Amino acid sequence: METSSHITSTYAALRYGGASQDRARAELAITPGEAHMQERIFNVARPGKMLDRMRPRFARHEAHVAAILAAGGYPVLRR
């Protein structure tokens, strides 16, 4: 079965937007097999990129995280 590039780009947009694999599959009304293929396409390593697509880039930078923590961390919103 051939998958349209529309589904591939929409699947990636949903995943980057924070949707789980199951939610993206449900929203696109695709089969589990198609969702598995979309997840494999989504996780293809690209030159110069790390494999973990859902982890923020700054989280891999220990010096940045240490500096944020030393400055008191991120502010907390109070109700």
C-alpha atoms as a PDB file:
ATOM      1  CA  MET A   1       0.000   0.000   0.000  1.00  0.00           C
ATOM      2  CA  GLU A   2       1.339   3.400  -0.915  1.00  0.00           C
ATOM      3  CA  THR A   3       1.126   6.157   1.701  1.00  0.00           C
ATOM      4  CA  SER A   4       0.467   9.711   0.607  1.00  0.00           C
ATOM      5  CA  SER A   5       2.953  12.419   1.558  1.00  0.00           C
ATOM      6  CA  HIS A   6      -0.027  14.283   3.057  1.00  0.00           C
ATOM      7  CA  ILE A   7      -0.436  11.581   5.706  1.00  0.00           C
ATOM      8  CA  THR A   8       3.305  11.491   6.348  1.00  0.00           C
ATOM      9  CA  SER A   9       3.556  15.259   6.826  1.00  0.00           C
ATOM     10  CA  THR A  10       0.366  15.389   8.911  1.00  0.00           C
ATOM     11  CA  TYR A  11       1.556  12.489  11.074  1.00  0.00           C
ATOM     12  CA  ALA A  12       4.850  14.290  11.696  1.00  0.00           C
ATOM     13  CA  ALA A  13       3.015  17.529  12.519  1.00  0.00           C
ATOM     14  CA  LEU A  14       0.816  15.734  15.042  1.00  0.00           C
ATOM     15  CA  ARG A  15       3.810  14.011  16.653  1.00  0.00           C
ATOM     16  CA  TYR A  16       5.843  17.245  16.824  1.00  0.00           C
ATOM     17  CA  GLY A  17       2.749  18.904  18.298  1.00  0.00           C
ATOM     18  CA  GLY A  18       2.850  16.466  21.205  1.00  0.00           C
ATOM     19  CA  ALA A  19       0.352  13.841  20.077  1.00  0.00           C
ATOM     20  CA  SER A  20       1.106  10.273  21.096  1.00  0.00           C
ATOM     21  CA  GLN A  21       1.469   7.601  18.446  1.00  0.00           C
ATOM     22  CA  ASP A  22      -2.006   6.272  19.275  1.00  0.00           C
ATOM     23  CA  ARG A  23      -3.606   9.699  19.107  1.00  0.00           C
ATOM     24  CA  ALA A  24      -1.968  10.495  15.747  1.00  0.00           C
ATOM     25  CA  ARG A  25      -3.190   7.135  14.419  1.00  0.00           C
ATOM     26  CA  ALA A  26      -6.730   7.806  15.622  1.00  0.00           C
ATOM     27  CA  GLU A  27      -6.863  11.355  14.268  1.00  0.00           C
ATOM     28  CA  LEU A  28      -5.679  10.210  10.849  1.00  0.00           C
ATOM     29  CA  ALA A  29      -7.868   7.071  10.934  1.00  0.00           C
ATOM     30  CA  ILE A  30      -5.011   4.841   9.812  1.00  0.00           C
ATOM     31  CA  THR A  31      -4.403   1.197  10.663  1.00  0.00           C
ATOM     32  CA  PRO A  32      -1.846   0.152  13.277  1.00  0.00           C
ATOM     33  CA  GLY A  33       0.382  -1.123  10.455  1.00  0.00           C
ATOM     34  CA  GLU A  34       0.235   2.217   8.653  1.00  0.00           C
ATOM     35  CA  ALA A  35       0.920   4.019  11.940  1.00  0.00           C
ATOM     36  CA  HIS A  36       3.962   1.824  12.534  1.00  0.00           C
ATOM     37  CA  MET A  37       5.274   2.720   9.078  1.00  0.00           C
ATOM     38  CA  GLN A  38       4.645   6.426   9.741  1.00  0.00           C
ATOM     39  CA  GLU A  39       6.519   6.204  13.051  1.00  0.00           C
ATOM     40  CA  ARG A  40       9.472   4.581  11.286  1.00  0.00           C
ATOM     41  CA  ILE A  41       9.516   7.387   8.708  1.00  0.00           C
ATOM     42  CA  PHE A  42       9.220   9.958  11.497  1.00  0.00           C
ATOM     43  CA  ASN A  43      12.220   8.461  13.312  1.00  0.00           C
ATOM     44  CA  VAL A  44      14.543   8.265  10.306  1.00  0.00           C
ATOM     45  CA  ALA A  45      17.927   9.636  11.309  1.00  0.00           C
ATOM     46  CA  ARG A  46      18.873  12.639   9.215  1.00  0.00           C
ATOM     47  CA  PRO A  47      22.430  13.918   8.784  1.00  0.00           C
ATOM     48  CA  GLY A  48      23.434  16.110  11.722  1.00  0.00           C
ATOM     49  CA  LYS A  49      20.295  15.316  13.736  1.00  0.00           C
ATOM     50  CA  MET A  50      19.890  13.212  16.834  1.00  0.00           C
ATOM     51  CA  LEU A  51      17.382  10.364  16.718  1.00  0.00           C
ATOM     52  CA  ASP A  52      15.119  11.484  19.594  1.00  0.00           C
ATOM     53  CA  ARG A  53      12.632  13.760  17.796  1.00  0.00           C
ATOM     54  CA  MET A  54      10.452  14.506  20.817  1.00  0.00           C
ATOM     55  CA  ARG A  55      13.161  15.638  23.256  1.00  0.00           C
ATOM     56  CA  PRO A  56      13.909  19.378  23.205  1.00  0.00           C
ATOM     57  CA  ARG A  57      17.349  20.204  21.824  1.00  0.00           C
ATOM     58  CA  PHE A  58      18.376  22.169  24.922  1.00  0.00           C
ATOM     59  CA  ALA A  59      17.787  19.092  27.073  1.00  0.00           C
ATOM     60  CA  ARG A  60      20.883  17.530  25.495  1.00  0.00           C
ATOM     61  CA  HIS A  61      23.043  20.457  26.507  1.00  0.00           C
ATOM     62  CA  GLU A  62      24.196  19.855  30.080  1.00  0.00           C
ATOM     63  CA  ALA A  63      25.824  23.297  30.446  1.00  0.00           C
ATOM     64  CA  HIS A  64      22.564  25.022  29.516  1.00  0.00           C
ATOM     65  CA  VAL A  65      20.551  22.930  31.970  1.00  0.00           C
ATOM     66  CA  ALA A  66      23.116  23.576  34.738  1.00  0.00           C
ATOM     67  CA  ALA A  67      22.974  27.333  34.064  1.00  0.00           C
ATOM     68  CA  ILE A  68      19.158  27.352  34.231  1.00  0.00           C
ATOM     69  CA  LEU A  69      19.182  25.422  37.511  1.00  0.00           C
ATOM     70  CA  ALA A  70      21.873  27.704  38.966  1.00  0.00           C
ATOM     71  CA  ALA A  71      19.707  30.716  38.100  1.00  0.00           C
ATOM     72  CA  GLY A  72      16.782  29.255  40.022  1.00  0.00           C
ATOM     73  CA  GLY A  73      15.198  27.145  37.304  1.00  0.00           C
ATOM     74  CA  TYR A  74      12.125  28.093  35.359  1.00  0.00           C
ATOM     75  CA  PRO A  75       9.498  30.295  37.022  1.00  0.00           C
ATOM     76  CA  VAL A  76       6.375  28.697  38.399  1.00  0.00           C
ATOM     77  CA  LEU A  77       2.996  30.217  37.604  1.00  0.00           C
ATOM     78  CA  ARG A  78       0.795  30.548  40.650  1.00  0.00           C
ATOM     79  CA  ARG A  79      -2.997  30.456  40.638  1.00  0.00           C
END
